[in-house]
Protein backbone atom coordinates (compact mmCIF):
# COMPACT_ATOMS: atom_id res chain seq x y z
CA MET A 1 53.76 199.81 143.69
CA GLU A 2 50.80 198.74 141.82
CA SER A 3 51.23 196.62 138.76
CA THR A 4 48.97 197.21 135.83
CA PHE A 5 48.25 194.81 133.05
CA SER A 6 48.94 196.09 129.60
CA PRO A 7 47.76 194.03 126.59
CA ALA A 8 50.57 195.44 124.50
CA ARG A 9 53.10 193.89 126.81
CA ALA A 10 51.38 190.46 126.80
CA ARG A 11 52.97 189.17 123.65
CA PRO A 12 53.48 185.48 123.21
CA ILE A 13 56.90 184.39 124.26
CA ARG A 14 58.87 183.08 121.35
CA ARG A 15 61.55 180.65 122.14
CA ARG A 16 64.52 180.68 119.98
CA ARG A 17 66.06 177.39 119.09
CA ARG A 18 69.67 177.16 119.81
CA ARG A 19 72.05 176.07 117.19
CA GLY A 20 72.29 172.25 116.92
CA GLN A 21 68.71 171.70 118.11
CA GLU A 22 66.96 172.12 114.80
CA GLY A 23 65.97 168.41 114.45
CA TYR A 24 66.15 166.16 111.43
CA THR A 25 64.64 166.75 108.05
CA LEU A 26 62.50 164.24 106.24
CA VAL A 27 65.25 163.66 103.69
CA GLU A 28 67.77 162.80 106.40
CA LEU A 29 65.36 160.34 107.98
CA LEU A 30 64.69 158.70 104.59
CA VAL A 31 68.41 158.33 103.94
CA VAL A 32 68.94 156.64 107.33
CA ILE A 33 65.97 154.31 106.80
CA THR A 34 67.29 153.40 103.32
CA ILE A 35 70.73 152.59 104.71
CA ILE A 36 69.24 150.42 107.45
CA GLY A 37 67.09 148.63 104.84
CA LEU A 38 70.15 147.89 102.70
CA ILE A 39 72.05 146.50 105.68
CA VAL A 40 69.13 144.23 106.61
CA ALA A 41 68.78 143.07 102.99
CA LEU A 42 72.45 142.13 102.82
CA VAL A 43 72.88 140.61 106.29
CA GLY A 44 69.42 139.04 106.76
CA PRO A 45 69.82 136.06 104.40
CA ARG A 46 73.16 135.14 105.98
CA VAL A 47 71.67 135.18 109.47
CA LEU A 48 68.75 133.00 108.32
CA ASN A 49 71.20 130.59 106.67
CA TYR A 50 73.15 130.28 109.93
CA LEU A 51 69.88 129.62 111.77
CA GLY A 52 69.02 126.79 109.35
CA ASP A 53 72.51 125.32 109.68
CA SER A 54 72.29 125.40 113.46
CA LYS A 55 69.03 123.42 113.38
CA VAL A 56 70.70 120.75 111.23
CA LYS A 57 73.62 120.56 113.69
CA THR A 58 71.17 120.33 116.60
CA ALA A 59 69.38 117.40 114.94
CA LYS A 60 72.69 115.60 114.40
CA ILE A 61 73.65 116.08 118.05
CA GLN A 62 70.24 114.85 119.25
CA ILE A 63 70.54 111.75 117.04
CA GLN A 64 73.96 111.04 118.57
CA GLY A 65 72.40 111.36 122.02
CA PHE A 66 69.66 108.90 121.04
CA ALA A 67 72.32 106.49 119.77
CA SER A 68 74.14 106.61 123.11
CA ALA A 69 70.89 106.05 125.00
CA LEU A 70 69.99 103.15 122.69
CA ASP A 71 73.37 101.55 123.37
CA LEU A 72 72.74 101.77 127.12
CA PHE A 73 69.28 100.27 126.59
CA TYR A 74 70.91 97.44 124.65
CA LEU A 75 73.48 96.80 127.38
CA ASP A 76 70.72 96.56 130.00
CA THR A 77 68.09 94.60 128.07
CA GLY A 78 70.11 92.71 125.45
CA ARG A 79 68.15 94.22 122.56
CA TYR A 80 67.24 97.51 120.91
CA PRO A 81 63.65 98.78 121.12
CA MET A 82 61.43 97.53 118.30
CA SER A 83 59.88 99.98 115.83
CA GLN A 84 56.51 99.64 117.59
CA GLU A 85 58.06 100.66 120.91
CA GLY A 86 59.90 103.56 119.34
CA LEU A 87 62.18 105.97 121.15
CA GLY A 88 59.58 106.15 123.92
CA ALA A 89 61.08 102.90 125.27
CA LEU A 90 64.08 105.00 126.35
CA VAL A 91 61.98 106.98 128.84
CA GLN A 92 59.26 104.52 129.87
CA ARG A 93 59.45 100.78 130.48
CA THR A 94 57.46 98.72 127.98
CA ALA A 95 55.79 95.42 128.74
CA GLY A 96 58.15 92.46 128.60
CA THR A 97 61.34 94.51 128.99
CA ALA A 98 63.52 92.87 131.62
CA ASN A 99 66.45 94.67 133.30
CA TRP A 100 65.25 98.10 132.17
CA ASN A 101 67.22 100.71 134.16
CA GLY A 102 65.90 103.88 132.54
CA PRO A 103 64.97 106.46 131.82
CA TYR A 104 67.87 106.72 129.41
CA LEU A 105 67.09 110.29 128.30
CA LYS A 106 67.15 113.33 130.58
CA GLY A 107 63.87 115.01 131.24
CA GLY A 108 61.79 111.87 130.89
CA THR A 109 60.53 112.79 127.41
CA VAL A 110 61.71 112.19 123.87
CA PRO A 111 62.42 115.60 122.34
CA ALA A 112 61.09 116.54 118.92
CA ASP A 113 63.50 117.49 116.17
CA PRO A 114 64.48 121.18 115.83
CA TRP A 115 61.52 121.76 113.49
CA GLY A 116 59.05 120.43 116.06
CA LYS A 117 58.38 117.07 114.38
CA PRO A 118 58.97 113.64 115.93
CA TYR A 119 62.00 111.61 114.96
CA VAL A 120 61.40 108.47 112.90
CA TYR A 121 62.74 105.30 114.55
CA ARG A 122 63.02 101.94 112.80
CA SER A 123 64.42 98.72 114.23
CA PRO A 124 65.61 96.50 112.69
CA SER A 125 66.74 98.47 109.66
CA ASP A 126 68.70 98.10 106.43
CA HIS A 127 71.57 100.26 107.75
CA GLY A 128 72.22 98.57 111.09
CA PRO A 129 70.34 97.60 114.21
CA TYR A 130 68.26 100.80 114.07
CA ASP A 131 67.63 103.99 112.10
CA ILE A 132 66.89 107.39 113.57
CA VAL A 133 65.75 109.99 111.05
CA SER A 134 64.74 113.64 111.17
CA LEU A 135 62.83 114.54 108.02
CA GLY A 136 64.29 118.05 107.96
CA SER A 137 62.50 121.36 107.68
CA ASP A 138 59.92 120.14 105.16
CA GLY A 139 58.86 117.09 107.19
CA GLN A 140 59.00 114.83 104.11
CA GLU A 141 61.49 112.20 103.01
CA GLY A 142 64.26 113.38 100.71
CA GLY A 143 64.97 117.01 100.03
CA SER A 144 68.06 119.15 99.92
CA GLY A 145 69.61 121.83 102.08
CA THR A 146 67.76 122.23 105.39
CA ALA A 147 64.93 120.11 103.96
CA ALA A 148 67.26 117.09 103.61
CA ASP A 149 66.81 114.11 105.91
CA ILE A 150 69.24 113.84 108.83
CA THR A 151 69.98 110.21 109.66
CA SER A 152 71.86 108.11 112.19
CA TRP A 153 73.85 106.50 109.40
CA THR A 154 76.15 108.17 106.90
CA ARG A 155 75.25 108.14 103.24
């Protein structure tokens, strides 16, 4: 049996879409995008607020860790590091420091505050034998909210 080609029979094949496979309309997509935008607008500020609060809590915990390390330094050497020595004296022996048994901080480095800025260390201070201060998110003294200073003493 010989097959012959007939142009009349060579029609393009049309595929019918089955029910439920029509796709989404532009209006449906816009409605979904609008709903997602509203959810982000309502939830976003709360998430950012929690992030700022967690950085403040992290700074407070780091300051407490510095205070513990400074107390160990004091027990070993009989004094707290001077302002010129800074918190670096907790990880590296300075000249003239007898009985230094450090490093007193894990990792061998002094971590920056949660905003990436160095902590301010003063000794002696007006509030006790030393002050440890994070200048907050703005990096300047004073401020409010997450920009407020976080200190080793209570106000």
